[in-house]
C-alpha atoms as a PDB file:
ATOM      1  CA  MET A   1       0.000   0.000   0.000  1.00  0.00           C
ATOM      2  CA  LEU A   2       1.102   3.532  -0.677  1.00  0.00           C
ATOM      3  CA  GLU A   3       1.907   5.481   2.418  1.00  0.00           C
ATOM      4  CA  LYS A   4       0.267   8.835   2.930  1.00  0.00           C
ATOM      5  CA  ALA A   5       2.602  11.707   2.409  1.00  0.00           C
ATOM      6  CA  ARG A   6       3.703  13.114   5.716  1.00  0.00           C
ATOM      7  CA  LEU A   7       3.510  16.870   6.030  1.00  0.00           C
ATOM      8  CA  PRO A   8       6.054  18.512   8.291  1.00  0.00           C
ATOM      9  CA  LYS A   9       4.694  19.889  11.512  1.00  0.00           C
ATOM     10  CA  GLY A  10       5.543  22.818  13.714  1.00  0.00           C
ATOM     11  CA  ARG A  11       8.219  25.271  12.631  1.00  0.00           C
ATOM     12  CA  GLY A  12       9.105  23.234   9.552  1.00  0.00           C
ATOM     13  CA  ALA A  13       5.580  23.507   8.214  1.00  0.00           C
ATOM     14  CA  PHE A  14       5.487  27.209   8.992  1.00  0.00           C
ATOM     15  CA  ARG A  15       8.750  27.797   7.116  1.00  0.00           C
ATOM     16  CA  ILE A  16       7.500  25.886   4.061  1.00  0.00           C
ATOM     17  CA  LEU A  17       4.170  27.707   4.018  1.00  0.00           C
ATOM     18  CA  SER A  18       5.910  31.051   4.466  1.00  0.00           C
ATOM     19  CA  THR A  19       8.269  30.266   1.595  1.00  0.00           C
ATOM     20  CA  LEU A  20       5.400  29.221  -0.670  1.00  0.00           C
ATOM     21  CA  PHE A  21       3.425  32.338   0.248  1.00  0.00           C
ATOM     22  CA  ALA A  22       6.413  34.590  -0.434  1.00  0.00           C
ATOM     23  CA  ALA A  23       7.032  32.866  -3.761  1.00  0.00           C
ATOM     24  CA  GLY A  24       3.397  33.384  -4.711  1.00  0.00           C
ATOM     25  CA  LEU A  25       3.641  37.069  -3.854  1.00  0.00           C
ATOM     26  CA  LEU A  26       6.791  37.434  -5.936  1.00  0.00           C
ATOM     27  CA  LEU A  27       5.114  35.776  -8.916  1.00  0.00           C
ATOM     28  CA  ALA A  28       2.034  37.989  -8.565  1.00  0.00           C
ATOM     29  CA  THR A  29       4.132  41.138  -8.218  1.00  0.00           C
ATOM     30  CA  GLY A  30       6.233  40.114 -11.204  1.00  0.00           C
ATOM     31  CA  ALA A  31       3.130  39.626 -13.329  1.00  0.00           C
ATOM     32  CA  GLN A  32       1.765  43.018 -12.299  1.00  0.00           C
ATOM     33  CA  ALA A  33       5.102  44.684 -13.046  1.00  0.00           C
ATOM     34  CA  ASP A  34       5.071  43.022 -16.476  1.00  0.00           C
ATOM     35  CA  GLN A  35       1.569  44.392 -17.058  1.00  0.00           C
ATOM     36  CA  SER A  36       2.752  47.872 -16.105  1.00  0.00           C
ATOM     37  CA  GLU A  37       5.609  47.621 -18.602  1.00  0.00           C
ATOM     38  CA  LYS A  38       3.158  46.514 -21.309  1.00  0.00           C
ATOM     39  CA  SER A  39       0.999  49.529 -20.527  1.00  0.00           C
ATOM     40  CA  TRP A  40       4.069  51.743 -20.716  1.00  0.00           C
ATOM     41  CA  THR A  41       4.817  50.504 -24.232  1.00  0.00           C
ATOM     42  CA  ASP A  42       1.495  51.948 -25.407  1.00  0.00           C
ATOM     43  CA  LEU A  43       1.876  55.104 -23.321  1.00  0.00           C
ATOM     44  CA  HIS A  44       5.342  55.683 -24.761  1.00  0.00           C
ATOM     45  CA  LYS A  45       3.890  55.593 -28.261  1.00  0.00           C
ATOM     46  CA  SER A  46       0.892  57.758 -27.398  1.00  0.00           C
ATOM     47  CA  TYR A  47       2.519  60.470 -25.322  1.00  0.00           C
ATOM     48  CA  PHE A  48       6.047  60.589 -26.717  1.00  0.00           C
ATOM     49  CA  GLU A  49       5.475  59.237 -30.233  1.00  0.00           C
ATOM     50  CA  GLY A  50       7.992  56.482 -29.599  1.00  0.00           C
ATOM     51  CA  ARG A  51      10.886  58.942 -29.210  1.00  0.00           C
ATOM     52  CA  ALA A  52      14.054  57.524 -27.681  1.00  0.00           C
ATOM     53  CA  ILE A  53      14.121  57.824 -23.885  1.00  0.00           C
ATOM     54  CA  GLN A  54      17.462  57.524 -22.133  1.00  0.00           C
ATOM     55  CA  ASP A  55      18.218  56.227 -18.644  1.00  0.00           C
ATOM     56  CA  GLY A  56      17.925  59.263 -16.405  1.00  0.00           C
ATOM     57  CA  SER A  57      19.523  57.882 -13.236  1.00  0.00           C
ATOM     58  CA  GLU A  58      22.493  60.253 -13.457  1.00  0.00           C
ATOM     59  CA  LEU A  59      20.182  63.218 -13.902  1.00  0.00           C
ATOM     60  CA  LEU A  60      17.190  62.413 -11.648  1.00  0.00           C
ATOM     61  CA  ARG A  61      16.277  60.518  -8.517  1.00  0.00           C
ATOM     62  CA  LEU A  62      12.660  59.472  -7.957  1.00  0.00           C
ATOM     63  CA  ASP A  63      11.457  58.432  -4.521  1.00  0.00           C
ATOM     64  CA  ALA A  64       8.091  56.837  -3.706  1.00  0.00           C
ATOM     65  CA  PRO A  65       7.030  54.188  -1.173  1.00  0.00           C
ATOM     66  CA  TYR A  66       7.237  50.595  -2.369  1.00  0.00           C
ATOM     67  CA  ARG A  67       3.981  49.901  -0.507  1.00  0.00           C
ATOM     68  CA  ALA A  68       1.770  52.946  -0.017  1.00  0.00           C
ATOM     69  CA  ASP A  69       0.096  53.536   3.344  1.00  0.00           C
ATOM     70  CA  ASP A  70      -2.744  55.417   1.630  1.00  0.00           C
ATOM     71  CA  PRO A  71      -3.286  54.874  -2.129  1.00  0.00           C
ATOM     72  CA  ALA A  72      -5.022  58.253  -2.386  1.00  0.00           C
ATOM     73  CA  LEU A  73      -2.072  60.112  -0.812  1.00  0.00           C
ATOM     74  CA  VAL A  74       1.132  58.600  -2.182  1.00  0.00           C
ATOM     75  CA  PRO A  75       4.115  60.918  -1.611  1.00  0.00           C
ATOM     76  CA  VAL A  76       6.423  61.262  -4.601  1.00  0.00           C
ATOM     77  CA  SER A  77       9.617  63.304  -4.758  1.00  0.00           C
ATOM     78  CA  VAL A  78      12.001  64.115  -7.601  1.00  0.00           C
ATOM     79  CA  ASP A  79      15.578  65.252  -7.009  1.00  0.00           C
ATOM     80  CA  ILE A  80      17.328  66.947  -9.917  1.00  0.00           C
ATOM     81  CA  LEU A  81      20.930  65.856  -9.582  1.00  0.00           C
ATOM     82  CA  ARG A  82      22.334  68.064 -12.336  1.00  0.00           C
ATOM     83  CA  LEU A  83      20.667  71.373 -13.068  1.00  0.00           C
ATOM     84  CA  ARG A  84      22.719  72.052 -16.180  1.00  0.00           C
ATOM     85  CA  GLU A  85      25.229  70.298 -18.347  1.00  0.00           C
ATOM     86  CA  ASN A  86      26.953  71.973 -21.295  1.00  0.00           C
ATOM     87  CA  GLY A  87      24.240  74.628 -21.314  1.00  0.00           C
ATOM     88  CA  ASN A  88      21.475  72.010 -21.386  1.00  0.00           C
ATOM     89  CA  ARG A  89      18.746  72.097 -18.725  1.00  0.00           C
ATOM     90  CA  ILE A  90      15.493  70.386 -17.803  1.00  0.00           C
ATOM     91  CA  ARG A  91      12.532  72.098 -19.409  1.00  0.00           C
ATOM     92  CA  THR A  92       9.688  69.816 -18.248  1.00  0.00           C
ATOM     93  CA  LEU A  93       9.153  66.907 -15.871  1.00  0.00           C
ATOM     94  CA  THR A  94       6.201  64.572 -16.514  1.00  0.00           C
ATOM     95  CA  LEU A  95       4.919  62.243 -13.778  1.00  0.00           C
ATOM     96  CA  ILE A  96       3.218  59.103 -15.096  1.00  0.00           C
ATOM     97  CA  VAL A  97       1.420  56.284 -13.265  1.00  0.00           C
ATOM     98  CA  ASP A  98       1.197  53.468 -15.822  1.00  0.00           C
ATOM     99  CA  GLU A  99      -1.939  51.772 -14.473  1.00  0.00           C
ATOM    100  CA  ASN A 100      -4.006  54.832 -13.584  1.00  0.00           C
ATOM    101  CA  PRO A 101      -7.130  55.650 -15.647  1.00  0.00           C
ATOM    102  CA  ALA A 102      -5.434  58.952 -16.585  1.00  0.00           C
ATOM    103  CA  PRO A 103      -1.749  57.965 -16.524  1.00  0.00           C
ATOM    104  CA  ILE A 104      -0.244  61.459 -16.774  1.00  0.00           C
ATOM    105  CA  ALA A 105      -0.509  62.799 -13.243  1.00  0.00           C
ATOM    106  CA  ALA A 106       1.182  66.156 -13.846  1.00  0.00           C
ATOM    107  CA  THR A 107       3.602  67.963 -16.093  1.00  0.00           C
ATOM    108  CA  PHE A 108       5.886  70.515 -14.451  1.00  0.00           C
ATOM    109  CA  THR A 109       7.377  73.268 -16.588  1.00  0.00           C
ATOM    110  CA  LEU A 110      10.459  74.821 -14.991  1.00  0.00           C
ATOM    111  CA  ALA A 111      11.366  78.419 -15.774  1.00  0.00           C
ATOM    112  CA  GLN A 112      14.823  78.940 -17.227  1.00  0.00           C
ATOM    113  CA  ASP A 113      16.215  80.758 -14.184  1.00  0.00           C
ATOM    114  CA  ALA A 114      14.180  78.928 -11.523  1.00  0.00           C
ATOM    115  CA  GLU A 115      17.078  76.641 -10.512  1.00  0.00           C
ATOM    116  CA  ILE A 116      14.623  74.044  -9.174  1.00  0.00           C
ATOM    117  CA  SER A 117      16.466  71.146  -7.516  1.00  0.00           C
ATOM    118  CA  THR A 118      13.610  69.210  -5.860  1.00  0.00           C
ATOM    119  CA  LEU A 119       9.881  68.694  -6.399  1.00  0.00           C
ATOM    120  CA  GLU A 120       7.455  66.801  -4.168  1.00  0.00           C
ATOM    121  CA  THR A 121       3.738  66.122  -4.499  1.00  0.00           C
ATOM    122  CA  ARG A 122       1.089  63.511  -3.624  1.00  0.00           C
ATOM    123  CA  LEU A 123      -0.546  61.155  -6.100  1.00  0.00           C
ATOM    124  CA  ARG A 124      -3.443  58.751  -6.342  1.00  0.00           C
ATOM    125  CA  VAL A 125      -2.308  55.277  -7.398  1.00  0.00           C
ATOM    126  CA  ASN A 126      -5.100  53.001  -8.582  1.00  0.00           C
ATOM    127  CA  ALA A 127      -3.269  49.683  -9.029  1.00  0.00           C
ATOM    128  CA  TYR A 128       0.164  48.138  -8.603  1.00  0.00           C
ATOM    129  CA  SER A 129       2.178  50.170 -11.064  1.00  0.00           C
ATOM    130  CA  PHE A 130       5.427  51.819 -12.021  1.00  0.00           C
ATOM    131  CA  VAL A 131       5.530  55.532 -11.343  1.00  0.00           C
ATOM    132  CA  ARG A 132       7.789  57.300 -13.841  1.00  0.00           C
ATOM    133  CA  VAL A 133       9.236  60.747 -14.252  1.00  0.00           C
ATOM    134  CA  ILE A 134      10.358  61.781 -17.729  1.00  0.00           C
ATOM    135  CA  ALA A 135      12.563  64.841 -18.113  1.00  0.00           C
ATOM    136  CA  GLU A 136      12.560  66.697 -21.398  1.00  0.00           C
ATOM    137  CA  MET A 137      15.707  68.745 -21.845  1.00  0.00           C
ATOM    138  CA  ALA A 138      16.097  72.040 -23.665  1.00  0.00           C
ATOM    139  CA  ASP A 139      17.739  70.135 -26.540  1.00  0.00           C
ATOM    140  CA  GLY A 140      14.649  67.885 -26.836  1.00  0.00           C
ATOM    141  CA  SER A 141      16.206  64.712 -25.390  1.00  0.00           C
ATOM    142  CA  LEU A 142      14.173  62.576 -22.955  1.00  0.00           C
ATOM    143  CA  HIS A 143      15.429  60.912 -19.770  1.00  0.00           C
ATOM    144  CA  MET A 144      13.480  58.619 -17.434  1.00  0.00           C
ATOM    145  CA  VAL A 145      13.621  57.022 -13.998  1.00  0.00           C
ATOM    146  CA  LYS A 146      10.917  54.867 -12.385  1.00  0.00           C
ATOM    147  CA  ARG A 147       9.780  53.323  -9.100  1.00  0.00           C
ATOM    148  CA  TYR A 148       7.369  50.450  -8.519  1.00  0.00           C
ATOM    149  CA  VAL A 149       4.530  51.235  -6.108  1.00  0.00           C
ATOM    150  CA  LYS A 150       2.095  48.782  -4.547  1.00  0.00           C
ATOM    151  CA  ALA A 151      -1.256  50.499  -4.051  1.00  0.00           C
ATOM    152  CA  THR A 152      -4.848  49.885  -5.113  1.00  0.00           C
ATOM    153  CA  GLY A 153      -7.994  51.973  -5.365  1.00  0.00           C
ATOM    154  CA  GLY A 154      -6.469  55.431  -4.988  1.00  0.00           C
ATOM    155  CA  CYS A 155      -8.522  57.038  -7.758  1.00  0.00           C
ATOM    156  CA  ALA A 156     -11.809  55.689  -6.382  1.00  0.00           C
ATOM    157  CA  ALA A 157     -11.085  56.301  -2.684  1.00  0.00           C
ATOM    158  CA  PRO A 158     -13.784  58.483  -1.087  1.00  0.00           C
ATOM    159  CA  ALA A 159     -12.942  62.079  -0.259  1.00  0.00           C
ATOM    160  CA  SER A 160     -11.807  62.675   3.304  1.00  0.00           C
ATOM    161  CA  ARG A 161     -14.086  65.670   3.874  1.00  0.00           C
ATOM    162  CA  ASN A 162     -17.794  66.353   3.739  1.00  0.00           C
ATOM    163  CA  PRO A 163     -18.570  67.639   0.197  1.00  0.00           C
ATOM    164  CA  GLU A 164     -20.188  70.834   1.513  1.00  0.00           C
ATOM    165  CA  ASP A 165     -17.169  71.602   3.706  1.00  0.00           C
ATOM    166  CA  ALA A 166     -14.792  70.793   0.861  1.00  0.00           C
ATOM    167  CA  LEU A 167     -16.554  73.161  -1.534  1.00  0.00           C
ATOM    168  CA  ALA A 168     -16.808  75.901   1.103  1.00  0.00           C
ATOM    169  CA  SER A 169     -13.025  75.971   1.597  1.00  0.00           C
ATOM    170  CA  MET A 170     -12.142  75.306  -2.052  1.00  0.00           C
ATOM    171  CA  GLY A 171      -9.399  77.547  -3.369  1.00  0.00           C
ATOM    172  CA  GLN A 172      -7.891  78.441  -0.022  1.00  0.00           C
ATOM    173  CA  MET A 173      -4.084  78.387  -0.207  1.00  0.00           C
ATOM    174  CA  ARG A 174      -1.279  78.295   2.297  1.00  0.00           C
ATOM    175  CA  LEU A 175       2.431  78.759   1.729  1.00  0.00           C
ATOM    176  CA  ARG A 176       5.041  77.343   4.070  1.00  0.00           C
ATOM    177  CA  GLN A 177       8.541  78.823   3.935  1.00  0.00           C
ATOM    178  CA  ILE A 178      10.408  75.817   5.252  1.00  0.00           C
ATOM    179  CA  GLN A 179      14.004  76.876   4.743  1.00  0.00           C
ATOM    180  CA  SER A 180      16.054  79.683   3.267  1.00  0.00           C
ATOM    181  CA  THR A 181      19.797  79.019   3.348  1.00  0.00           C
ATOM    182  CA  GLU A 182      22.743  78.791   1.016  1.00  0.00           C
ATOM    183  CA  LYS A 183      21.401  75.315   0.130  1.00  0.00           C
ATOM    184  CA  GLY A 184      18.273  76.810  -1.359  1.00  0.00           C
ATOM    185  CA  ASN A 185      14.817  78.140  -0.629  1.00  0.00           C
ATOM    186  CA  ILE A 186      12.284  75.443   0.248  1.00  0.00           C
ATOM    187  CA  PHE A 187       8.579  76.199  -0.058  1.00  0.00           C
ATOM    188  CA  GLN A 188       5.417  74.129   0.235  1.00  0.00           C
ATOM    189  CA  LEU A 189       2.179  75.219  -1.412  1.00  0.00           C
ATOM    190  CA  LEU A 190      -1.047  73.689  -0.076  1.00  0.00           C
ATOM    191  CA  ILE A 191      -4.291  74.111  -2.030  1.00  0.00           C
ATOM    192  CA  ARG A 192      -7.739  73.285  -0.672  1.00  0.00           C
ATOM    193  CA  HIS A 193      -9.621  71.411  -3.381  1.00  0.00           C
ATOM    194  CA  PRO A 194     -11.545  68.093  -3.392  1.00  0.00           C
ATOM    195  CA  ASN A 195      -9.930  67.184  -6.725  1.00  0.00           C
ATOM    196  CA  TYR A 196     -12.715  64.736  -7.551  1.00  0.00           C
ATOM    197  CA  SER A 197     -11.483  62.064  -9.949  1.00  0.00           C
ATOM    198  CA  GLY A 198     -14.856  61.099 -11.453  1.00  0.00           C
ATOM    199  CA  LEU A 199     -14.448  57.582 -10.022  1.00  0.00           C
ATOM    200  CA  GLN A 200     -15.611  58.318  -6.474  1.00  0.00           C
ATOM    201  CA  MET A 201     -19.089  57.261  -5.430  1.00  0.00           C
ATOM    202  CA  ASP A 202     -21.361  59.398  -3.318  1.00  0.00           C
ATOM    203  CA  GLN A 203     -22.232  57.126  -0.396  1.00  0.00           C
ATOM    204  CA  LEU A 204     -25.655  58.736   0.025  1.00  0.00           C
ATOM    205  CA  THR A 205     -26.899  58.717  -3.584  1.00  0.00           C
ATOM    206  CA  GLY A 206     -24.881  55.822  -4.977  1.00  0.00           C
ATOM    207  CA  LEU A 207     -23.932  58.025  -7.923  1.00  0.00           C
ATOM    208  CA  TYR A 208     -20.431  58.901  -9.075  1.00  0.00           C
ATOM    209  CA  ARG A 209     -19.269  62.431  -8.411  1.00  0.00           C
ATOM    210  CA  PRO A 210     -18.346  64.222 -11.642  1.00  0.00           C
ATOM    211  CA  ALA A 211     -14.648  64.882 -12.163  1.00  0.00           C
ATOM    212  CA  HIS A 212     -13.695  68.301 -10.807  1.00  0.00           C
ATOM    213  CA  PHE A 213     -10.014  68.920 -10.264  1.00  0.00           C
ATOM    214  CA  VAL A 214      -7.190  71.432 -10.354  1.00  0.00           C
ATOM    215  CA  ASN A 215      -5.702  71.430 -13.837  1.00  0.00           C
ATOM    216  CA  THR A 216      -3.476  74.504 -13.756  1.00  0.00           C
ATOM    217  CA  ILE A 217      -1.057  75.879 -11.173  1.00  0.00           C
ATOM    218  CA  ARG A 218       1.209  78.801 -12.017  1.00  0.00           C
ATOM    219  CA  ILE A 219       3.807  79.987  -9.506  1.00  0.00           C
ATOM    220  CA  GLY A 220       5.693  83.215 -10.085  1.00  0.00           C
ATOM    221  CA  ALA A 221       8.507  84.917  -8.179  1.00  0.00           C
ATOM    222  CA  ASP A 222       8.929  88.711  -8.289  1.00  0.00           C
ATOM    223  CA  GLY A 223       6.709  88.910 -11.341  1.00  0.00           C
ATOM    224  CA  LYS A 224       8.566  86.218 -13.302  1.00  0.00           C
ATOM    225  CA  PRO A 225       7.497  82.579 -13.960  1.00  0.00           C
ATOM    226  CA  LEU A 226       8.945  79.971 -11.623  1.00  0.00           C
ATOM    227  CA  ILE A 227       6.997  76.704 -12.019  1.00  0.00           C
ATOM    228  CA  SER A 228       3.818  75.781 -13.842  1.00  0.00           C
ATOM    229  CA  VAL A 229       1.882  72.553 -13.308  1.00  0.00           C
ATOM    230  CA  ASP A 230      -0.643  70.951 -15.640  1.00  0.00           C
ATOM    231  CA  GLY A 231      -2.501  68.491 -13.440  1.00  0.00           C
ATOM    232  CA  ALA A 232      -5.141  65.765 -13.776  1.00  0.00           C
ATOM    233  CA  ILE A 233      -7.137  63.327 -11.637  1.00  0.00           C
ATOM    234  CA  SER A 234      -4.044  61.524 -10.348  1.00  0.00           C
ATOM    235  CA  LEU A 235      -3.095  64.498  -8.182  1.00  0.00           C
ATOM    236  CA  SER A 236      -4.392  63.940  -4.666  1.00  0.00           C
ATOM    237  CA  GLU A 237      -7.202  65.713  -2.887  1.00  0.00           C
ATOM    238  CA  ASN A 238      -5.934  69.071  -1.552  1.00  0.00           C
ATOM    239  CA  PRO A 239      -2.933  69.210  -3.907  1.00  0.00           C
ATOM    240  CA  SER A 240       0.445  69.852  -2.334  1.00  0.00           C
ATOM    241  CA  LEU A 241       3.596  71.026  -4.064  1.00  0.00           C
ATOM    242  CA  ARG A 242       6.889  71.306  -2.231  1.00  0.00           C
ATOM    243  CA  PHE A 243       9.956  72.554  -4.089  1.00  0.00           C
ATOM    244  CA  THR A 244      13.491  73.829  -3.641  1.00  0.00           C
ATOM    245  CA  SER A 245      14.898  76.703  -5.658  1.00  0.00           C
ATOM    246  CA  LEU A 246      18.622  77.420  -5.672  1.00  0.00           C
ATOM    247  CA  ALA A 247      18.053  80.880  -7.139  1.00  0.00           C
ATOM    248  CA  ALA A 248      18.230  83.945  -4.936  1.00  0.00           C
ATOM    249  CA  LYS A 249      15.303  84.206  -2.562  1.00  0.00           C
ATOM    250  CA  PRO A 250      12.516  86.288  -4.138  1.00  0.00           C
ATOM    251  CA  ASN A 251      10.762  89.105  -2.324  1.00  0.00           C
ATOM    252  CA  ALA A 252       7.313  87.892  -3.329  1.00  0.00           C
ATOM    253  CA  LEU A 253       5.607  84.750  -4.566  1.00  0.00           C
ATOM    254  CA  ALA A 254       2.309  84.679  -6.463  1.00  0.00           C
ATOM    255  CA  VAL A 255       0.103  81.684  -7.313  1.00  0.00           C
ATOM    256  CA  HIS A 256      -2.612  81.344  -9.952  1.00  0.00           C
ATOM    257  CA  VAL A 257      -4.801  78.202  -9.838  1.00  0.00           C
ATOM    258  CA  GLU A 258      -7.554  77.057 -12.210  1.00  0.00           C
ATOM    259  CA  ASP A 259      -9.834  74.030 -12.066  1.00  0.00           C
ATOM    260  CA  THR A 260     -11.922  72.147 -14.605  1.00  0.00           C
ATOM    261  CA  GLU A 261     -15.094  74.057 -13.652  1.00  0.00           C
ATOM    262  CA  GLY A 262     -13.512  77.361 -14.665  1.00  0.00           C
ATOM    263  CA  ASN A 263     -12.843  78.536 -11.114  1.00  0.00           C
ATOM    264  CA  VAL A 264      -9.795  80.756 -10.683  1.00  0.00           C
ATOM    265  CA  PHE A 265      -7.971  81.233  -7.378  1.00  0.00           C
ATOM    266  CA  GLU A 266      -5.084  83.614  -6.792  1.00  0.00           C
ATOM    267  CA  LYS A 267      -2.931  84.596  -3.866  1.00  0.00           C
ATOM    268  CA  SER A 268       0.415  86.289  -3.258  1.00  0.00           C
ATOM    269  CA  TRP A 269       2.838  86.391  -0.344  1.00  0.00           C
ATOM    270  CA  ASP A 270       5.400  88.900   0.879  1.00  0.00           C
ATOM    271  CA  LEU A 271       8.531  86.825   1.510  1.00  0.00           C
ATOM    272  CA  THR A 272      10.429  89.617   3.231  1.00  0.00           C
ATOM    273  CA  LYS A 273       8.576  88.645   6.394  1.00  0.00           C
ATOM    274  CA  LYS A 274       9.815  86.009   8.814  1.00  0.00           C
ATOM    275  CA  PRO A 275       9.528  82.432   7.351  1.00  0.00           C
ATOM    276  CA  GLY A 276       6.545  80.384   8.472  1.00  0.00           C
ATOM    277  CA  ASP A 277       2.990  79.599   7.485  1.00  0.00           C
ATOM    278  CA  SER A 278       1.058  82.234   5.579  1.00  0.00           C
END
């Protein structure tokens, strides 16, 4: 007679099950990463017309959590490692989330004399996906770095605030002057806006809230352009933009914001005052 297979007991069984579980996770993650790369192939053709994109690891560093704590508030930061090389500079930075319904999260246009060295914002991530940043240089060349992020449901996650409260405070802005030293001027702009993605369900009516989000942010310093942002539904609720400028500290900063409903919000700050919240 055939003997029944004997399964290990105790710690041995736990180790085997743990190994099998980990292997299964690796296979699943690998398959999802492959799917993200397949999606990127189509996005590359659509958004960049198949233009050559170089490895940007010597030019950029992208940081994002491997596993997001909140898929609707995924922090993403970009460090620009070389501001200029042989007269060439970064003209735009495009943040892409391969598996999001609207993959382009934001495009940042950097003014020629802005000397921007870091950018940080918060994204919605809807499925396990690569997050990419593509730099377009003044000479037209493209450079890319990427990070894999595990998150699900960020674009459909319900808003954190009551809709009436969110609309009542919409357009309010706050500027934090975090640092002003020889290493640069660090600012954080916070904008009150529900940034509805169009995929969020109203829990009371069972209907989807129409998309309504910030699509334009223009930041100027002393009357000159500094940064402009073209945003979409992948930017988080209450958009946040933190940046470092290595240029001389301006005396004033002005912000112009537009949303998809045609609302316009503007505010300016006198930076000659003591740094802090304003």
